[in-house]
């Protein structure tokens, strides 16, 4: 298939020197085209973008991201992510790409719709024999904890369109919930820790009420028990139990300048807790 100028233009914005650089750039271009398809399909009338990829694309965070996380604005048991598959596929066709989207089978009953979008087109033969290994995961929370606010953010490629996103204080609340309660067994999600540092550095105000809504709905912890003091103590316990070297190793492939993590230590993250703006 002939290369498409829009796709190539989107890819040309990135400085690609390593295999990780290329993978990160491809992921982000695919994510932006996916957002365009969802926009054309009317998805943002009922859903909003949140998570690390949202932070990266719309709020200037320097860490690359893989997955795409969305939340419905209101609970909707009839929601089907498949209703938007054709719009996404058509958007990729318009930039000369062929993608397949498959729905992830649910092992347990959860209120999250998941799908995998995979680029099945061979683009270049640089460090990959093909680009078929590039894959992103899309998740939609169909029964979201409420109490969050959204705003529309502009994206100008592959064309100009608006994406409904969580506001930063609510994104922050979702990240802190993940940092406290995400269960990775033997794995550590270092990207959560990078994002935590980013929020503190930017002095973003944490929407604590939304965090309380999340812990009440998902973890059955009532608001009166989940106080600011309880939250900070819980976070410090999590930090003390976490292998910071594992955190650094997880996030390293997603950032351009690993030296910014030189200061990372258990003590460093404990100090960040005291700087959280609530």
C-alpha atoms as a PDB file:
ATOM      1  CA  UNK A   1       0.000   0.000   0.000  1.00  0.00           C
ATOM      2  CA  UNK A   2       1.330   3.446  -0.873  1.00  0.00           C
ATOM      3  CA  UNK A   3       2.396   5.648   2.000  1.00  0.00           C
ATOM      4  CA  UNK A   4      -0.093   8.351   2.877  1.00  0.00           C
ATOM      5  CA  UNK A   5       1.064  11.959   3.325  1.00  0.00           C
ATOM      6  CA  UNK A   6      -1.173  12.553   6.374  1.00  0.00           C
ATOM      7  CA  UNK A   7       0.105   9.481   8.205  1.00  0.00           C
ATOM      8  CA  UNK A   8       3.715  10.284   7.255  1.00  0.00           C
ATOM      9  CA  UNK A   9       3.267  13.909   8.308  1.00  0.00           C
ATOM     10  CA  UNK A  10       1.954  12.813  11.698  1.00  0.00           C
ATOM     11  CA  UNK A  11       4.911  10.452  12.148  1.00  0.00           C
ATOM     12  CA  UNK A  12       7.437  13.090  11.010  1.00  0.00           C
ATOM     13  CA  UNK A  13       6.722  15.209  14.131  1.00  0.00           C
ATOM     14  CA  UNK A  14       8.761  12.784  16.253  1.00  0.00           C
ATOM     15  CA  UNK A  15      12.514  12.495  16.640  1.00  0.00           C
ATOM     16  CA  UNK A  16      13.047   8.788  15.988  1.00  0.00           C
ATOM     17  CA  UNK A  17      16.479   7.439  16.895  1.00  0.00           C
ATOM     18  CA  UNK A  18      15.738   4.141  18.661  1.00  0.00           C
ATOM     19  CA  UNK A  19      13.305   1.258  18.464  1.00  0.00           C
ATOM     20  CA  UNK A  20      11.488   2.632  21.536  1.00  0.00           C
ATOM     21  CA  UNK A  21      11.213   6.051  19.852  1.00  0.00           C
ATOM     22  CA  UNK A  22       9.594   4.436  16.831  1.00  0.00           C
ATOM     23  CA  UNK A  23       7.182   2.317  18.870  1.00  0.00           C
ATOM     24  CA  UNK A  24       6.135   5.311  20.972  1.00  0.00           C
ATOM     25  CA  UNK A  25       5.618   7.501  17.893  1.00  0.00           C
ATOM     26  CA  UNK A  26       3.546   4.840  16.128  1.00  0.00           C
ATOM     27  CA  UNK A  27       1.406   4.317  19.215  1.00  0.00           C
ATOM     28  CA  UNK A  28       0.679   8.035  19.455  1.00  0.00           C
ATOM     29  CA  UNK A  29      -0.189   8.460  15.780  1.00  0.00           C
ATOM     30  CA  UNK A  30      -2.522   5.461  16.020  1.00  0.00           C
ATOM     31  CA  UNK A  31      -4.097   6.931  19.175  1.00  0.00           C
ATOM     32  CA  UNK A  32      -4.745  10.284  17.483  1.00  0.00           C
ATOM     33  CA  UNK A  33      -6.322   8.665  14.423  1.00  0.00           C
ATOM     34  CA  UNK A  34      -8.469   6.545  16.750  1.00  0.00           C
ATOM     35  CA  UNK A  35      -9.658   9.719  18.518  1.00  0.00           C
ATOM     36  CA  UNK A  36     -10.539  11.206  15.117  1.00  0.00           C
ATOM     37  CA  UNK A  37     -12.611   8.148  14.244  1.00  0.00           C
ATOM     38  CA  UNK A  38     -14.400   8.240  17.590  1.00  0.00           C
ATOM     39  CA  UNK A  39     -15.134  11.950  17.067  1.00  0.00           C
ATOM     40  CA  UNK A  40     -16.671  11.283  13.653  1.00  0.00           C
ATOM     41  CA  UNK A  41     -18.745   8.502  15.190  1.00  0.00           C
ATOM     42  CA  UNK A  42     -20.236  10.836  17.821  1.00  0.00           C
ATOM     43  CA  UNK A  43     -18.534   9.009  20.680  1.00  0.00           C
ATOM     44  CA  UNK A  44     -17.715  12.155  22.664  1.00  0.00           C
ATOM     45  CA  UNK A  45     -21.402  13.041  22.986  1.00  0.00           C
ATOM     46  CA  UNK A  46     -21.578  10.374  25.661  1.00  0.00           C
ATOM     47  CA  UNK A  47     -17.980   9.639  26.702  1.00  0.00           C
ATOM     48  CA  UNK A  48     -14.800  11.397  27.831  1.00  0.00           C
ATOM     49  CA  UNK A  49     -11.094  10.629  27.494  1.00  0.00           C
ATOM     50  CA  UNK A  50      -8.947  10.172  30.608  1.00  0.00           C
ATOM     51  CA  UNK A  51      -5.765   8.400  31.778  1.00  0.00           C
ATOM     52  CA  UNK A  52      -2.105   8.713  30.827  1.00  0.00           C
ATOM     53  CA  UNK A  53      -2.636   8.943  27.067  1.00  0.00           C
ATOM     54  CA  UNK A  54      -5.038  11.840  27.583  1.00  0.00           C
ATOM     55  CA  UNK A  55      -2.419  13.554  29.760  1.00  0.00           C
ATOM     56  CA  UNK A  56       0.226  13.014  27.092  1.00  0.00           C
ATOM     57  CA  UNK A  57      -1.751  14.203  24.065  1.00  0.00           C
ATOM     58  CA  UNK A  58      -3.727  17.106  25.555  1.00  0.00           C
ATOM     59  CA  UNK A  59      -1.992  18.292  28.710  1.00  0.00           C
ATOM     60  CA  UNK A  60       1.678  18.196  27.746  1.00  0.00           C
ATOM     61  CA  UNK A  61       3.022  15.363  29.869  1.00  0.00           C
ATOM     62  CA  UNK A  62       6.326  14.087  28.426  1.00  0.00           C
ATOM     63  CA  UNK A  63       5.718  10.389  29.056  1.00  0.00           C
ATOM     64  CA  UNK A  64       4.480   8.288  26.143  1.00  0.00           C
ATOM     65  CA  UNK A  65       1.552   5.964  26.756  1.00  0.00           C
ATOM     66  CA  UNK A  66       0.046   2.792  25.274  1.00  0.00           C
ATOM     67  CA  UNK A  67      -3.571   2.321  26.316  1.00  0.00           C
ATOM     68  CA  UNK A  68      -6.596   4.542  25.714  1.00  0.00           C
ATOM     69  CA  UNK A  69      -9.022   4.946  28.619  1.00  0.00           C
ATOM     70  CA  UNK A  70     -12.500   6.416  28.318  1.00  0.00           C
ATOM     71  CA  UNK A  71     -15.443   6.879  30.625  1.00  0.00           C
ATOM     72  CA  UNK A  72     -19.095   7.318  29.827  1.00  0.00           C
ATOM     73  CA  UNK A  73     -20.572  10.557  31.157  1.00  0.00           C
ATOM     74  CA  UNK A  74     -23.457   8.618  32.667  1.00  0.00           C
ATOM     75  CA  UNK A  75     -23.912   4.914  33.400  1.00  0.00           C
ATOM     76  CA  UNK A  76     -25.275   3.083  30.346  1.00  0.00           C
ATOM     77  CA  UNK A  77     -25.708  -0.696  30.469  1.00  0.00           C
ATOM     78  CA  UNK A  78     -26.617  -0.762  26.767  1.00  0.00           C
ATOM     79  CA  UNK A  79     -23.376   0.848  25.580  1.00  0.00           C
ATOM     80  CA  UNK A  80     -21.473  -1.122  22.930  1.00  0.00           C
ATOM     81  CA  UNK A  81     -17.991  -0.066  21.893  1.00  0.00           C
ATOM     82  CA  UNK A  82     -18.500  -2.068  18.687  1.00  0.00           C
ATOM     83  CA  UNK A  83     -20.921   0.639  17.518  1.00  0.00           C
ATOM     84  CA  UNK A  84     -17.867   2.834  16.866  1.00  0.00           C
ATOM     85  CA  UNK A  85     -15.592   0.258  15.236  1.00  0.00           C
ATOM     86  CA  UNK A  86     -16.614   1.172  11.665  1.00  0.00           C
ATOM     87  CA  UNK A  87     -15.931   4.878  12.261  1.00  0.00           C
ATOM     88  CA  UNK A  88     -12.441   4.052  13.575  1.00  0.00           C
ATOM     89  CA  UNK A  89     -11.676   1.648  10.721  1.00  0.00           C
ATOM     90  CA  UNK A  90     -12.886   4.207   8.141  1.00  0.00           C
ATOM     91  CA  UNK A  91     -10.676   6.890   9.668  1.00  0.00           C
ATOM     92  CA  UNK A  92      -7.616   4.684   9.280  1.00  0.00           C
ATOM     93  CA  UNK A  93      -8.596   3.892   5.679  1.00  0.00           C
ATOM     94  CA  UNK A  94      -8.698   7.633   4.966  1.00  0.00           C
ATOM     95  CA  UNK A  95      -4.984   7.869   5.872  1.00  0.00           C
ATOM     96  CA  UNK A  96      -4.090   4.697   3.963  1.00  0.00           C
ATOM     97  CA  UNK A  97      -3.968   2.264   6.863  1.00  0.00           C
ATOM     98  CA  UNK A  98      -5.764  -1.013   7.475  1.00  0.00           C
ATOM     99  CA  UNK A  99      -6.608  -1.898  11.068  1.00  0.00           C
ATOM    100  CA  UNK A 100      -8.480  -4.683  12.773  1.00  0.00           C
ATOM    101  CA  UNK A 101     -10.334  -4.264  16.042  1.00  0.00           C
ATOM    102  CA  UNK A 102     -11.205  -7.235  18.200  1.00  0.00           C
ATOM    103  CA  UNK A 103     -13.233  -7.270  21.360  1.00  0.00           C
ATOM    104  CA  UNK A 104     -11.499  -8.659  24.406  1.00  0.00           C
ATOM    105  CA  UNK A 105     -13.398 -11.543  25.965  1.00  0.00           C
ATOM    106  CA  UNK A 106     -14.361 -10.960  29.573  1.00  0.00           C
ATOM    107  CA  UNK A 107     -13.090 -13.616  31.960  1.00  0.00           C
ATOM    108  CA  UNK A 108     -14.956 -11.994  34.830  1.00  0.00           C
ATOM    109  CA  UNK A 109     -17.939  -9.670  34.748  1.00  0.00           C
ATOM    110  CA  UNK A 110     -16.627  -6.112  34.871  1.00  0.00           C
ATOM    111  CA  UNK A 111     -18.106  -2.751  33.953  1.00  0.00           C
ATOM    112  CA  UNK A 112     -15.420  -2.005  31.391  1.00  0.00           C
ATOM    113  CA  UNK A 113     -15.697  -2.503  27.641  1.00  0.00           C
ATOM    114  CA  UNK A 114     -12.325  -3.467  26.148  1.00  0.00           C
ATOM    115  CA  UNK A 115     -11.036  -3.801  22.618  1.00  0.00           C
ATOM    116  CA  UNK A 116      -7.671  -4.178  20.924  1.00  0.00           C
ATOM    117  CA  UNK A 117      -6.832  -2.121  17.879  1.00  0.00           C
ATOM    118  CA  UNK A 118      -3.991  -3.513  15.830  1.00  0.00           C
ATOM    119  CA  UNK A 119      -2.295  -2.013  12.790  1.00  0.00           C
ATOM    120  CA  UNK A 120      -2.106  -4.836  10.273  1.00  0.00           C
ATOM    121  CA  UNK A 121      -0.302  -2.775   7.645  1.00  0.00           C
ATOM    122  CA  UNK A 122       3.413  -3.137   7.037  1.00  0.00           C
ATOM    123  CA  UNK A 123       4.782   0.399   7.019  1.00  0.00           C
ATOM    124  CA  UNK A 124       8.572   0.350   7.090  1.00  0.00           C
ATOM    125  CA  UNK A 125      11.251  -2.285   7.424  1.00  0.00           C
ATOM    126  CA  UNK A 126      13.457  -0.394   9.839  1.00  0.00           C
ATOM    127  CA  UNK A 127      13.866  -2.204  13.113  1.00  0.00           C
ATOM    128  CA  UNK A 128      10.691  -4.218  12.835  1.00  0.00           C
ATOM    129  CA  UNK A 129      10.193  -6.770  10.109  1.00  0.00           C
ATOM    130  CA  UNK A 130       6.598  -5.502  10.063  1.00  0.00           C
ATOM    131  CA  UNK A 131       4.495  -3.147  12.155  1.00  0.00           C
ATOM    132  CA  UNK A 132       2.006  -5.845  13.092  1.00  0.00           C
ATOM    133  CA  UNK A 133       3.375  -5.942  16.625  1.00  0.00           C
ATOM    134  CA  UNK A 134       2.041  -2.427  17.265  1.00  0.00           C
ATOM    135  CA  UNK A 135      -1.133  -2.744  19.289  1.00  0.00           C
ATOM    136  CA  UNK A 136      -3.108  -0.497  21.577  1.00  0.00           C
ATOM    137  CA  UNK A 137      -5.833  -1.313  24.072  1.00  0.00           C
ATOM    138  CA  UNK A 138      -9.043   0.715  24.293  1.00  0.00           C
ATOM    139  CA  UNK A 139     -11.135   0.614  27.465  1.00  0.00           C
ATOM    140  CA  UNK A 140     -14.451   2.286  28.265  1.00  0.00           C
ATOM    141  CA  UNK A 141     -15.847   2.431  31.796  1.00  0.00           C
ATOM    142  CA  UNK A 142     -19.599   1.955  31.305  1.00  0.00           C
ATOM    143  CA  UNK A 143     -20.471   2.497  34.986  1.00  0.00           C
ATOM    144  CA  UNK A 144     -18.168   5.354  35.968  1.00  0.00           C
ATOM    145  CA  UNK A 145     -17.835   6.897  39.418  1.00  0.00           C
ATOM    146  CA  UNK A 146     -19.454  10.322  39.035  1.00  0.00           C
ATOM    147  CA  UNK A 147     -18.451  13.730  40.333  1.00  0.00           C
ATOM    148  CA  UNK A 148     -16.013  14.600  37.525  1.00  0.00           C
ATOM    149  CA  UNK A 149     -15.871  17.544  35.108  1.00  0.00           C
ATOM    150  CA  UNK A 150     -14.945  17.579  31.436  1.00  0.00           C
ATOM    151  CA  UNK A 151     -13.672  20.060  28.860  1.00  0.00           C
ATOM    152  CA  UNK A 152     -13.148  19.966  25.099  1.00  0.00           C
ATOM    153  CA  UNK A 153      -9.564  19.963  23.803  1.00  0.00           C
ATOM    154  CA  UNK A 154      -8.437  20.601  20.221  1.00  0.00           C
ATOM    155  CA  UNK A 155      -6.466  18.145  18.100  1.00  0.00           C
ATOM    156  CA  UNK A 156      -5.357  19.285  14.623  1.00  0.00           C
ATOM    157  CA  UNK A 157      -4.228  16.007  13.036  1.00  0.00           C
ATOM    158  CA  UNK A 158      -5.323  14.041  11.056  1.00  0.00           C
ATOM    159  CA  UNK A 159      -7.776  16.994  10.821  1.00  0.00           C
ATOM    160  CA  UNK A 160      -9.053  19.595  13.319  1.00  0.00           C
ATOM    161  CA  UNK A 161     -11.546  18.214  15.831  1.00  0.00           C
ATOM    162  CA  UNK A 162     -12.492  18.407  19.513  1.00  0.00           C
ATOM    163  CA  UNK A 163     -12.111  15.667  22.122  1.00  0.00           C
ATOM    164  CA  UNK A 164     -14.023  15.639  25.387  1.00  0.00           C
ATOM    165  CA  UNK A 165     -11.529  15.095  28.213  1.00  0.00           C
ATOM    166  CA  UNK A 166     -11.568  14.881  31.983  1.00  0.00           C
ATOM    167  CA  UNK A 167     -10.292  18.077  33.574  1.00  0.00           C
ATOM    168  CA  UNK A 168      -6.896  17.837  35.264  1.00  0.00           C
ATOM    169  CA  UNK A 169      -8.129  17.672  38.906  1.00  0.00           C
ATOM    170  CA  UNK A 170     -10.323  14.699  37.971  1.00  0.00           C
ATOM    171  CA  UNK A 171      -7.579  13.024  35.943  1.00  0.00           C
ATOM    172  CA  UNK A 172      -5.426  13.429  39.053  1.00  0.00           C
ATOM    173  CA  UNK A 173      -8.086  11.716  41.195  1.00  0.00           C
ATOM    174  CA  UNK A 174      -8.223   8.770  38.800  1.00  0.00           C
ATOM    175  CA  UNK A 175      -4.443   8.455  38.841  1.00  0.00           C
ATOM    176  CA  UNK A 176      -4.238   8.519  42.620  1.00  0.00           C
ATOM    177  CA  UNK A 177      -6.910   5.837  42.809  1.00  0.00           C
ATOM    178  CA  UNK A 178      -4.879   3.671  40.419  1.00  0.00           C
ATOM    179  CA  UNK A 179      -1.711   4.295  42.427  1.00  0.00           C
ATOM    180  CA  UNK A 180      -3.425   3.255  45.649  1.00  0.00           C
ATOM    181  CA  UNK A 181      -5.478   0.281  44.507  1.00  0.00           C
ATOM    182  CA  UNK A 182      -4.227  -1.057  41.169  1.00  0.00           C
ATOM    183  CA  UNK A 183      -3.231  -4.680  41.664  1.00  0.00           C
ATOM    184  CA  UNK A 184      -0.335  -5.699  39.436  1.00  0.00           C
ATOM    185  CA  UNK A 185       0.737  -8.698  41.503  1.00  0.00           C
ATOM    186  CA  UNK A 186       4.487  -8.933  40.844  1.00  0.00           C
ATOM    187  CA  UNK A 187       4.509  -6.111  38.276  1.00  0.00           C
ATOM    188  CA  UNK A 188       4.785  -2.432  39.053  1.00  0.00           C
ATOM    189  CA  UNK A 189       3.094   0.221  36.924  1.00  0.00           C
ATOM    190  CA  UNK A 190       5.881   2.776  37.030  1.00  0.00           C
ATOM    191  CA  UNK A 191       3.997   5.065  34.688  1.00  0.00           C
ATOM    192  CA  UNK A 192       1.538   5.811  37.515  1.00  0.00           C
ATOM    193  CA  UNK A 193       4.434   7.076  39.621  1.00  0.00           C
ATOM    194  CA  UNK A 194       5.759   9.265  36.831  1.00  0.00           C
ATOM    195  CA  UNK A 195       2.294  10.820  36.469  1.00  0.00           C
ATOM    196  CA  UNK A 196       2.017  11.363  40.236  1.00  0.00           C
ATOM    197  CA  UNK A 197       5.279  13.320  40.204  1.00  0.00           C
ATOM    198  CA  UNK A 198       4.023  15.325  37.185  1.00  0.00           C
ATOM    199  CA  UNK A 199       0.835  16.393  38.995  1.00  0.00           C
ATOM    200  CA  UNK A 200       2.771  17.471  42.090  1.00  0.00           C
ATOM    201  CA  UNK A 201       5.352  19.362  40.007  1.00  0.00           C
ATOM    202  CA  UNK A 202       2.566  21.196  38.150  1.00  0.00           C
ATOM    203  CA  UNK A 203       0.791  21.927  41.457  1.00  0.00           C
ATOM    204  CA  UNK A 204      -2.479  20.583  40.018  1.00  0.00           C
ATOM    205  CA  UNK A 205      -5.308  20.607  42.559  1.00  0.00           C
ATOM    206  CA  UNK A 206      -6.560  17.090  43.303  1.00  0.00           C
ATOM    207  CA  UNK A 207     -10.361  16.698  43.134  1.00  0.00           C
ATOM    208  CA  UNK A 208     -10.574  14.809  46.405  1.00  0.00           C
ATOM    209  CA  UNK A 209     -14.374  14.450  46.222  1.00  0.00           C
ATOM    210  CA  UNK A 210     -14.050  12.535  42.951  1.00  0.00           C
ATOM    211  CA  UNK A 211     -11.369  10.343  44.513  1.00  0.00           C
ATOM    212  CA  UNK A 212     -13.812   9.643  47.357  1.00  0.00           C
ATOM    213  CA  UNK A 213     -16.498   8.727  44.798  1.00  0.00           C
ATOM    214  CA  UNK A 214     -14.094   6.268  43.188  1.00  0.00           C
ATOM    215  CA  UNK A 215     -13.077   4.612  46.453  1.00  0.00           C
ATOM    216  CA  UNK A 216     -16.711   4.398  47.558  1.00  0.00           C
ATOM    217  CA  UNK A 217     -17.954   2.784  44.341  1.00  0.00           C
ATOM    218  CA  UNK A 218     -14.969   0.575  43.568  1.00  0.00           C
ATOM    219  CA  UNK A 219     -13.523  -0.208  47.007  1.00  0.00           C
ATOM    220  CA  UNK A 220     -16.589   0.233  49.246  1.00  0.00           C
ATOM    221  CA  UNK A 221     -14.814   2.816  51.421  1.00  0.00           C
ATOM    222  CA  UNK A 222     -17.288   5.445  52.659  1.00  0.00           C
ATOM    223  CA  UNK A 223     -16.411   9.147  52.371  1.00  0.00           C
ATOM    224  CA  UNK A 224     -16.275   9.726  56.136  1.00  0.00           C
ATOM    225  CA  UNK A 225     -13.608   7.029  56.460  1.00  0.00           C
ATOM    226  CA  UNK A 226     -11.627   8.104  53.399  1.00  0.00           C
ATOM    227  CA  UNK A 227     -10.316  11.372  54.823  1.00  0.00           C
ATOM    228  CA  UNK A 228      -7.352  13.352  53.495  1.00  0.00           C
ATOM    229  CA  UNK A 229      -5.232  12.020  56.360  1.00  0.00           C
ATOM    230  CA  UNK A 230      -6.321   8.432  55.644  1.00  0.00           C
ATOM    231  CA  UNK A 231      -5.541   8.933  51.941  1.00  0.00           C
ATOM    232  CA  UNK A 232      -2.029  10.280  52.604  1.00  0.00           C
ATOM    233  CA  UNK A 233      -1.209   7.522  55.096  1.00  0.00           C
ATOM    234  CA  UNK A 234      -2.435   4.873  52.655  1.00  0.00           C
ATOM    235  CA  UNK A 235      -0.332   6.400  49.880  1.00  0.00           C
ATOM    236  CA  UNK A 236       2.778   6.489  52.071  1.00  0.00           C
ATOM    237  CA  UNK A 237       2.257   2.812  52.979  1.00  0.00           C
ATOM    238  CA  UNK A 238       2.032   1.993  49.272  1.00  0.00           C
ATOM    239  CA  UNK A 239       5.249   3.905  48.560  1.00  0.00           C
ATOM    240  CA  UNK A 240       7.169   2.169  51.357  1.00  0.00           C
ATOM    241  CA  UNK A 241       6.121  -1.262  50.041  1.00  0.00           C
ATOM    242  CA  UNK A 242       7.022  -0.483  46.417  1.00  0.00           C
ATOM    243  CA  UNK A 243      10.299  -1.373  44.709  1.00  0.00           C
ATOM    244  CA  UNK A 244      11.361   1.988  43.255  1.00  0.00           C
ATOM    245  CA  UNK A 245      13.910   0.326  40.951  1.00  0.00           C
ATOM    246  CA  UNK A 246      11.051  -1.674  39.408  1.00  0.00           C
ATOM    247  CA  UNK A 247       9.130   1.590  38.998  1.00  0.00           C
ATOM    248  CA  UNK A 248      12.083   3.163  37.156  1.00  0.00           C
ATOM    249  CA  UNK A 249      12.569   0.131  34.905  1.00  0.00           C
ATOM    250  CA  UNK A 250       8.898   0.092  33.922  1.00  0.00           C
ATOM    251  CA  UNK A 251       8.703   3.741  32.906  1.00  0.00           C
ATOM    252  CA  UNK A 252      12.135   4.054  31.229  1.00  0.00           C
ATOM    253  CA  UNK A 253      11.000   2.982  27.697  1.00  0.00           C
ATOM    254  CA  UNK A 254       8.310   5.692  27.679  1.00  0.00           C
ATOM    255  CA  UNK A 255      10.420   8.782  28.353  1.00  0.00           C
ATOM    256  CA  UNK A 256      13.098  10.560  26.351  1.00  0.00           C
ATOM    257  CA  UNK A 257      15.318  11.583  29.270  1.00  0.00           C
ATOM    258  CA  UNK A 258      15.762   8.815  31.893  1.00  0.00           C
ATOM    259  CA  UNK A 259      18.090  11.126  33.861  1.00  0.00           C
ATOM    260  CA  UNK A 260      15.024  12.924  35.220  1.00  0.00           C
ATOM    261  CA  UNK A 261      14.473   9.817  37.373  1.00  0.00           C
ATOM    262  CA  UNK A 262      17.911   9.991  39.022  1.00  0.00           C
ATOM    263  CA  UNK A 263      16.402  11.527  42.151  1.00  0.00           C
ATOM    264  CA  UNK A 264      13.671   8.893  42.472  1.00  0.00           C
ATOM    265  CA  UNK A 265      13.735   7.008  45.760  1.00  0.00           C
ATOM    266  CA  UNK A 266      11.323   5.933  48.476  1.00  0.00           C
ATOM    267  CA  UNK A 267      12.138   9.099  50.427  1.00  0.00           C
ATOM    268  CA  UNK A 268      11.574  11.278  47.370  1.00  0.00           C
ATOM    269  CA  UNK A 269       8.058   9.944  46.783  1.00  0.00           C
ATOM    270  CA  UNK A 270       7.211  10.195  50.484  1.00  0.00           C
ATOM    271  CA  UNK A 271       8.147  13.887  50.304  1.00  0.00           C
ATOM    272  CA  UNK A 272       5.875  14.322  47.258  1.00  0.00           C
ATOM    273  CA  UNK A 273       2.884  13.152  49.318  1.00  0.00           C
ATOM    274  CA  UNK A 274       3.303  16.153  51.601  1.00  0.00           C
ATOM    275  CA  UNK A 275       3.280  18.469  48.566  1.00  0.00           C
ATOM    276  CA  UNK A 276      -0.041  17.234  47.131  1.00  0.00           C
ATOM    277  CA  UNK A 277      -2.377  20.172  46.453  1.00  0.00           C
ATOM    278  CA  UNK A 278      -5.908  19.248  47.606  1.00  0.00           C
END
